[in-house]
Amino acid sequence: MAIVKWSEDLSVNVREIDKQHQKLVSLINSLGDAMRERRAKEVVGSVIQELADYALTHFLTEEKYFDKYGYPDLVKHKNEHDAFVEKVSKFQKDFDAGRLALSINMLNFLKDWLINHIRGTDKKYSAFFNEKGLS
């Protein structure tokens, strides 16, 4: 059962970024599946690692376009990215050290952050990027 379902209301109308958002949705759903199926720590740990790595890749893509086109909310948006990376890194370290059982709270944080970030913060750059020729 999907925790997050991709829908057009999550689209920012930039194909490359939408595909990356869809991958992040898929990774969160994979993490939820692994938790629900009570898979071994190594499986859950590898999904967390992949999610962290891919989030960084995605953030770098957005930030590349922010720099290239002079996006006015670059600093605020990047601060949100940095806070997310810090939070996921802490989850990952605690999980790897055996101090954190992956909980529904963490999964809900990831789901809520992604949905709220796309619908709120990311949607703000949609028209800006489209005006610059990104689609």
N, C-alpha and C. Protein backbone atom coordinates (compact mmCIF):
# COMPACT_ATOMS: atom_id res chain seq x y z
N MET A 1 0.85 -1.19 0.00
CA MET A 1 0.00 0.00 0.00
C MET A 1 0.89 1.25 0.00
N ALA A 2 0.65 2.13 -0.93
CA ALA A 2 1.46 3.34 -1.05
C ALA A 2 1.14 4.32 0.08
N ILE A 3 2.18 4.86 0.65
CA ILE A 3 2.05 5.88 1.68
C ILE A 3 1.79 7.23 1.03
N VAL A 4 2.46 7.44 -0.09
CA VAL A 4 2.29 8.67 -0.87
C VAL A 4 1.93 8.24 -2.29
N LYS A 5 0.91 8.85 -2.84
CA LYS A 5 0.53 8.57 -4.22
C LYS A 5 0.82 9.81 -5.05
N TRP A 6 1.54 9.59 -6.15
CA TRP A 6 1.83 10.70 -7.05
C TRP A 6 0.54 11.13 -7.73
N SER A 7 0.33 12.42 -7.79
CA SER A 7 -0.82 12.97 -8.51
C SER A 7 -0.38 14.28 -9.15
N GLU A 8 -1.15 14.75 -10.08
CA GLU A 8 -0.80 15.96 -10.82
C GLU A 8 -0.69 17.19 -9.93
N ASP A 9 -1.36 17.18 -8.78
CA ASP A 9 -1.25 18.35 -7.89
C ASP A 9 0.15 18.45 -7.26
N LEU A 10 0.98 17.40 -7.44
CA LEU A 10 2.36 17.46 -6.97
C LEU A 10 3.32 17.90 -8.08
N SER A 11 2.81 18.05 -9.29
CA SER A 11 3.66 18.44 -10.42
C SER A 11 4.06 19.91 -10.30
N VAL A 12 5.33 20.18 -10.61
CA VAL A 12 5.82 21.56 -10.68
C VAL A 12 6.00 22.00 -12.14
N ASN A 13 5.54 21.18 -13.05
CA ASN A 13 5.57 21.48 -14.49
C ASN A 13 6.98 21.61 -15.05
N VAL A 14 7.90 20.89 -14.44
CA VAL A 14 9.26 20.78 -14.96
C VAL A 14 9.56 19.28 -14.97
N ARG A 15 9.61 18.70 -16.15
CA ARG A 15 9.69 17.24 -16.31
C ARG A 15 10.79 16.61 -15.47
N GLU A 16 12.01 17.15 -15.55
CA GLU A 16 13.14 16.58 -14.82
C GLU A 16 12.89 16.56 -13.32
N ILE A 17 12.36 17.64 -12.80
CA ILE A 17 12.12 17.73 -11.35
C ILE A 17 10.94 16.85 -10.95
N ASP A 18 9.89 16.81 -11.77
CA ASP A 18 8.77 15.92 -11.47
C ASP A 18 9.22 14.46 -11.40
N LYS A 19 10.10 14.05 -12.32
CA LYS A 19 10.61 12.67 -12.29
C LYS A 19 11.39 12.41 -11.01
N GLN A 20 12.16 13.39 -10.57
CA GLN A 20 12.91 13.23 -9.33
C GLN A 20 11.96 13.18 -8.13
N HIS A 21 10.94 14.00 -8.14
CA HIS A 21 9.95 13.94 -7.05
C HIS A 21 9.26 12.57 -7.03
N GLN A 22 8.96 12.03 -8.22
CA GLN A 22 8.33 10.72 -8.29
C GLN A 22 9.25 9.64 -7.71
N LYS A 23 10.54 9.77 -7.96
CA LYS A 23 11.52 8.82 -7.40
C LYS A 23 11.54 8.93 -5.87
N LEU A 24 11.50 10.15 -5.34
CA LEU A 24 11.46 10.33 -3.88
C LEU A 24 10.19 9.72 -3.29
N VAL A 25 9.07 9.90 -3.96
CA VAL A 25 7.81 9.27 -3.53
C VAL A 25 7.98 7.76 -3.51
N SER A 26 8.57 7.21 -4.56
CA SER A 26 8.79 5.76 -4.64
C SER A 26 9.68 5.26 -3.50
N LEU A 27 10.73 6.01 -3.18
CA LEU A 27 11.63 5.60 -2.10
C LEU A 27 10.93 5.64 -0.74
N ILE A 28 10.11 6.65 -0.51
CA ILE A 28 9.35 6.70 0.75
C ILE A 28 8.39 5.52 0.81
N ASN A 29 7.76 5.20 -0.31
CA ASN A 29 6.86 4.03 -0.33
C ASN A 29 7.62 2.74 -0.10
N SER A 30 8.83 2.62 -0.65
CA SER A 30 9.67 1.43 -0.42
C SER A 30 10.04 1.31 1.05
N LEU A 31 10.34 2.43 1.66
CA LEU A 31 10.67 2.42 3.09
C LEU A 31 9.46 1.97 3.90
N GLY A 32 8.30 2.47 3.55
CA GLY A 32 7.07 2.05 4.23
C GLY A 32 6.81 0.56 4.06
N ASP A 33 7.03 0.06 2.84
CA ASP A 33 6.85 -1.37 2.58
C ASP A 33 7.82 -2.20 3.42
N ALA A 34 9.07 -1.77 3.48
CA ALA A 34 10.08 -2.50 4.25
C ALA A 34 9.71 -2.53 5.73
N MET A 35 9.22 -1.41 6.24
CA MET A 35 8.81 -1.37 7.65
C MET A 35 7.62 -2.28 7.88
N ARG A 36 6.65 -2.20 7.01
CA ARG A 36 5.42 -2.99 7.16
C ARG A 36 5.72 -4.49 7.10
N GLU A 37 6.68 -4.86 6.25
CA GLU A 37 7.05 -6.27 6.09
C GLU A 37 8.09 -6.72 7.10
N ARG A 38 8.50 -5.82 7.99
CA ARG A 38 9.48 -6.12 9.04
C ARG A 38 10.75 -6.75 8.46
N ARG A 39 11.23 -6.15 7.37
CA ARG A 39 12.45 -6.66 6.76
C ARG A 39 13.66 -6.35 7.63
N ALA A 40 14.72 -7.03 7.38
CA ALA A 40 15.95 -6.91 8.17
C ALA A 40 16.46 -5.47 8.17
N LYS A 41 17.18 -5.16 9.22
CA LYS A 41 17.75 -3.83 9.39
C LYS A 41 18.54 -3.40 8.15
N GLU A 42 19.25 -4.31 7.54
CA GLU A 42 20.08 -3.97 6.38
C GLU A 42 19.23 -3.45 5.22
N VAL A 43 18.05 -4.03 5.03
CA VAL A 43 17.18 -3.61 3.93
C VAL A 43 16.65 -2.21 4.21
N VAL A 44 16.13 -2.00 5.42
CA VAL A 44 15.61 -0.68 5.78
C VAL A 44 16.75 0.34 5.74
N GLY A 45 17.90 -0.03 6.27
CA GLY A 45 19.04 0.88 6.27
C GLY A 45 19.47 1.28 4.87
N SER A 46 19.45 0.34 3.94
CA SER A 46 19.85 0.67 2.57
C SER A 46 18.84 1.58 1.89
N VAL A 47 17.56 1.41 2.21
CA VAL A 47 16.54 2.29 1.64
C VAL A 47 16.69 3.71 2.20
N ILE A 48 16.97 3.81 3.49
CA ILE A 48 17.21 5.14 4.09
C ILE A 48 18.41 5.80 3.41
N GLN A 49 19.48 5.02 3.20
CA GLN A 49 20.68 5.56 2.55
C GLN A 49 20.37 6.03 1.13
N GLU A 50 19.62 5.22 0.39
CA GLU A 50 19.27 5.59 -0.98
C GLU A 50 18.41 6.86 -0.99
N LEU A 51 17.48 6.95 -0.05
CA LEU A 51 16.63 8.14 0.05
C LEU A 51 17.47 9.38 0.35
N ALA A 52 18.39 9.26 1.29
CA ALA A 52 19.27 10.39 1.64
C ALA A 52 20.11 10.80 0.44
N ASP A 53 20.71 9.83 -0.23
CA ASP A 53 21.56 10.12 -1.39
C ASP A 53 20.76 10.75 -2.52
N TYR A 54 19.58 10.21 -2.79
CA TYR A 54 18.80 10.73 -3.90
C TYR A 54 18.24 12.11 -3.60
N ALA A 55 17.88 12.35 -2.34
CA ALA A 55 17.41 13.69 -1.96
C ALA A 55 18.50 14.72 -2.24
N LEU A 56 19.75 14.38 -1.92
CA LEU A 56 20.86 15.30 -2.21
C LEU A 56 20.98 15.55 -3.71
N THR A 57 20.89 14.51 -4.51
CA THR A 57 20.95 14.64 -5.96
C THR A 57 19.85 15.57 -6.45
N HIS A 58 18.65 15.35 -5.95
CA HIS A 58 17.50 16.17 -6.34
C HIS A 58 17.71 17.63 -5.93
N PHE A 59 18.14 17.85 -4.70
CA PHE A 59 18.33 19.22 -4.23
C PHE A 59 19.38 19.94 -5.07
N LEU A 60 20.44 19.23 -5.44
CA LEU A 60 21.47 19.84 -6.28
C LEU A 60 20.92 20.23 -7.65
N THR A 61 20.01 19.43 -8.18
CA THR A 61 19.37 19.76 -9.46
C THR A 61 18.59 21.07 -9.33
N GLU A 62 17.74 21.15 -8.32
CA GLU A 62 16.96 22.38 -8.13
C GLU A 62 17.90 23.57 -7.93
N GLU A 63 18.89 23.40 -7.08
CA GLU A 63 19.78 24.51 -6.76
C GLU A 63 20.62 24.95 -7.96
N LYS A 64 20.93 24.02 -8.84
CA LYS A 64 21.64 24.35 -10.09
C LYS A 64 20.79 25.33 -10.91
N TYR A 65 19.50 25.04 -11.02
CA TYR A 65 18.60 25.93 -11.75
C TYR A 65 18.38 27.25 -11.02
N PHE A 66 18.33 27.20 -9.69
CA PHE A 66 18.21 28.45 -8.93
C PHE A 66 19.37 29.38 -9.26
N ASP A 67 20.59 28.82 -9.24
CA ASP A 67 21.78 29.62 -9.54
C ASP A 67 21.77 30.10 -10.99
N LYS A 68 21.47 29.20 -11.90
CA LYS A 68 21.51 29.51 -13.32
C LYS A 68 20.55 30.64 -13.70
N TYR A 69 19.35 30.63 -13.10
CA TYR A 69 18.32 31.60 -13.49
C TYR A 69 18.11 32.71 -12.46
N GLY A 70 18.88 32.71 -11.38
CA GLY A 70 18.75 33.77 -10.39
C GLY A 70 17.44 33.73 -9.63
N TYR A 71 17.07 32.55 -9.17
CA TYR A 71 15.80 32.40 -8.44
C TYR A 71 15.83 33.24 -7.16
N PRO A 72 14.84 34.11 -6.97
CA PRO A 72 14.89 35.05 -5.85
C PRO A 72 14.77 34.43 -4.45
N ASP A 73 14.13 33.27 -4.32
CA ASP A 73 13.98 32.63 -3.00
C ASP A 73 15.02 31.55 -2.76
N LEU A 74 16.15 31.63 -3.44
CA LEU A 74 17.19 30.61 -3.36
C LEU A 74 17.60 30.31 -1.92
N VAL A 75 17.91 31.33 -1.13
CA VAL A 75 18.44 31.12 0.22
C VAL A 75 17.42 30.41 1.10
N LYS A 76 16.19 30.88 1.09
CA LYS A 76 15.14 30.26 1.91
C LYS A 76 14.91 28.81 1.50
N HIS A 77 14.85 28.59 0.20
CA HIS A 77 14.60 27.25 -0.31
C HIS A 77 15.76 26.31 0.06
N LYS A 78 16.99 26.78 -0.12
CA LYS A 78 18.15 25.97 0.21
C LYS A 78 18.19 25.66 1.70
N ASN A 79 17.78 26.60 2.54
CA ASN A 79 17.72 26.35 3.99
C ASN A 79 16.77 25.20 4.32
N GLU A 80 15.66 25.11 3.59
CA GLU A 80 14.73 23.99 3.79
C GLU A 80 15.39 22.68 3.39
N HIS A 81 16.12 22.70 2.29
CA HIS A 81 16.85 21.50 1.86
C HIS A 81 17.86 21.08 2.93
N ASP A 82 18.62 22.04 3.42
CA ASP A 82 19.65 21.75 4.43
C ASP A 82 19.04 21.16 5.70
N ALA A 83 17.91 21.71 6.13
CA ALA A 83 17.24 21.21 7.34
C ALA A 83 16.77 19.77 7.13
N PHE A 84 16.27 19.47 5.94
CA PHE A 84 15.82 18.11 5.64
C PHE A 84 17.00 17.14 5.66
N VAL A 85 18.09 17.51 5.01
CA VAL A 85 19.28 16.65 4.96
C VAL A 85 19.79 16.39 6.38
N GLU A 86 19.81 17.42 7.20
CA GLU A 86 20.27 17.27 8.58
C GLU A 86 19.38 16.30 9.36
N LYS A 87 18.08 16.44 9.20
CA LYS A 87 17.12 15.57 9.91
C LYS A 87 17.27 14.11 9.44
N VAL A 88 17.35 13.89 8.14
CA VAL A 88 17.48 12.52 7.62
C VAL A 88 18.83 11.93 8.02
N SER A 89 19.88 12.74 8.03
CA SER A 89 21.20 12.26 8.47
C SER A 89 21.15 11.81 9.92
N LYS A 90 20.44 12.58 10.75
CA LYS A 90 20.31 12.19 12.16
C LYS A 90 19.52 10.89 12.29
N PHE A 91 18.41 10.76 11.56
CA PHE A 91 17.66 9.50 11.55
C PHE A 91 18.58 8.35 11.17
N GLN A 92 19.35 8.55 10.12
CA GLN A 92 20.22 7.49 9.60
C GLN A 92 21.28 7.10 10.62
N LYS A 93 21.93 8.07 11.23
CA LYS A 93 22.97 7.79 12.23
C LYS A 93 22.38 7.06 13.44
N ASP A 94 21.23 7.54 13.92
CA ASP A 94 20.59 6.88 15.05
C ASP A 94 20.17 5.46 14.71
N PHE A 95 19.65 5.27 13.51
CA PHE A 95 19.23 3.93 13.08
C PHE A 95 20.44 3.01 12.98
N ASP A 96 21.52 3.49 12.34
CA ASP A 96 22.73 2.68 12.17
C ASP A 96 23.36 2.31 13.52
N ALA A 97 23.23 3.21 14.49
CA ALA A 97 23.81 2.96 15.81
C ALA A 97 22.88 2.13 16.70
N GLY A 98 21.71 1.78 16.19
CA GLY A 98 20.77 0.97 16.97
C GLY A 98 19.98 1.77 17.99
N ARG A 99 20.05 3.10 17.89
CA ARG A 99 19.33 3.95 18.84
C ARG A 99 17.93 4.30 18.38
N LEU A 100 17.62 3.94 17.17
CA LEU A 100 16.32 4.33 16.63
C LEU A 100 15.72 3.16 15.87
N ALA A 101 14.59 2.72 16.35
CA ALA A 101 13.83 1.76 15.55
C ALA A 101 13.04 2.62 14.58
N LEU A 102 13.06 2.25 13.32
CA LEU A 102 12.36 3.05 12.35
C LEU A 102 10.90 3.10 12.72
N SER A 103 10.39 4.26 12.94
CA SER A 103 9.03 4.36 13.46
C SER A 103 8.11 5.02 12.44
N ILE A 104 6.85 4.89 12.72
CA ILE A 104 5.84 5.53 11.89
C ILE A 104 6.02 7.04 11.95
N ASN A 105 6.55 7.56 13.07
CA ASN A 105 6.78 9.01 13.18
C ASN A 105 7.80 9.48 12.14
N MET A 106 8.87 8.71 11.95
CA MET A 106 9.86 9.09 10.97
C MET A 106 9.28 9.01 9.57
N LEU A 107 8.55 7.95 9.30
CA LEU A 107 7.93 7.79 7.99
C LEU A 107 6.95 8.93 7.72
N ASN A 108 6.17 9.29 8.71
CA ASN A 108 5.23 10.41 8.56
C ASN A 108 5.97 11.72 8.34
N PHE A 109 7.10 11.91 9.02
CA PHE A 109 7.90 13.12 8.80
C PHE A 109 8.32 13.19 7.34
N LEU A 110 8.88 12.10 6.81
CA LEU A 110 9.35 12.08 5.43
C LEU A 110 8.21 12.37 4.45
N LYS A 111 7.09 11.69 4.65
CA LYS A 111 5.93 11.87 3.77
C LYS A 111 5.42 13.31 3.85
N ASP A 112 5.20 13.79 5.06
CA ASP A 112 4.64 15.13 5.23
C ASP A 112 5.59 16.20 4.71
N TRP A 113 6.90 16.03 4.98
CA TRP A 113 7.85 17.03 4.53
C TRP A 113 7.85 17.09 3.00
N LEU A 114 7.90 15.94 2.35
CA LEU A 114 7.95 15.93 0.89
C LEU A 114 6.70 16.56 0.29
N ILE A 115 5.55 16.15 0.74
CA ILE A 115 4.29 16.68 0.19
C ILE A 115 4.18 18.18 0.44
N ASN A 116 4.45 18.60 1.68
CA ASN A 116 4.35 20.03 2.01
C ASN A 116 5.40 20.86 1.27
N HIS A 117 6.59 20.30 1.12
CA HIS A 117 7.66 21.01 0.42
C HIS A 117 7.31 21.19 -1.06
N ILE A 118 6.81 20.14 -1.69
CA ILE A 118 6.45 20.24 -3.11
C ILE A 118 5.27 21.19 -3.29
N ARG A 119 4.21 20.97 -2.53
CA ARG A 119 2.99 21.78 -2.71
C ARG A 119 3.18 23.23 -2.28
N GLY A 120 4.08 23.46 -1.36
CA GLY A 120 4.30 24.81 -0.87
C GLY A 120 5.49 25.47 -1.51
N THR A 121 6.67 25.07 -1.09
CA THR A 121 7.91 25.71 -1.51
C THR A 121 8.22 25.50 -2.98
N ASP A 122 8.15 24.26 -3.47
CA ASP A 122 8.52 23.98 -4.85
C ASP A 122 7.54 24.59 -5.86
N LYS A 123 6.28 24.59 -5.54
CA LYS A 123 5.28 25.15 -6.47
C LYS A 123 5.58 26.62 -6.75
N LYS A 124 6.24 27.29 -5.82
CA LYS A 124 6.56 28.71 -5.99
C LYS A 124 7.52 28.95 -7.15
N TYR A 125 8.36 27.97 -7.48
CA TYR A 125 9.29 28.18 -8.58
C TYR A 125 8.76 27.69 -9.92
N SER A 126 7.63 27.06 -9.93
CA SER A 126 7.09 26.46 -11.15
C SER A 126 6.98 27.48 -12.28
N ALA A 127 6.25 28.55 -12.08
CA ALA A 127 6.06 29.56 -13.13
C ALA A 127 7.40 30.23 -13.47
N PHE A 128 8.23 30.48 -12.46
CA PHE A 128 9.53 31.11 -12.68
C PHE A 128 10.37 30.26 -13.64
N PHE A 129 10.46 28.96 -13.37
CA PHE A 129 11.23 28.08 -14.23
C PHE A 129 10.62 27.96 -15.63
N ASN A 130 9.29 27.88 -15.67
CA ASN A 130 8.62 27.78 -16.97
C ASN A 130 8.90 29.02 -17.82
N GLU A 131 8.91 30.19 -17.20
CA GLU A 131 9.24 31.43 -17.92
C GLU A 131 10.66 31.42 -18.47
N LYS A 132 11.55 30.68 -17.81
CA LYS A 132 12.95 30.59 -18.23
C LYS A 132 13.16 29.49 -19.27
N GLY A 133 12.07 28.81 -19.63
CA GLY A 133 12.16 27.79 -20.67
C GLY A 133 12.25 26.35 -20.17
N LEU A 134 12.21 26.16 -18.86
CA LEU A 134 12.19 24.79 -18.33
C LEU A 134 10.76 24.28 -18.34
N SER A 135 10.59 23.08 -18.83
CA SER A 135 9.26 22.48 -18.81
C SER A 135 9.37 20.98 -18.76
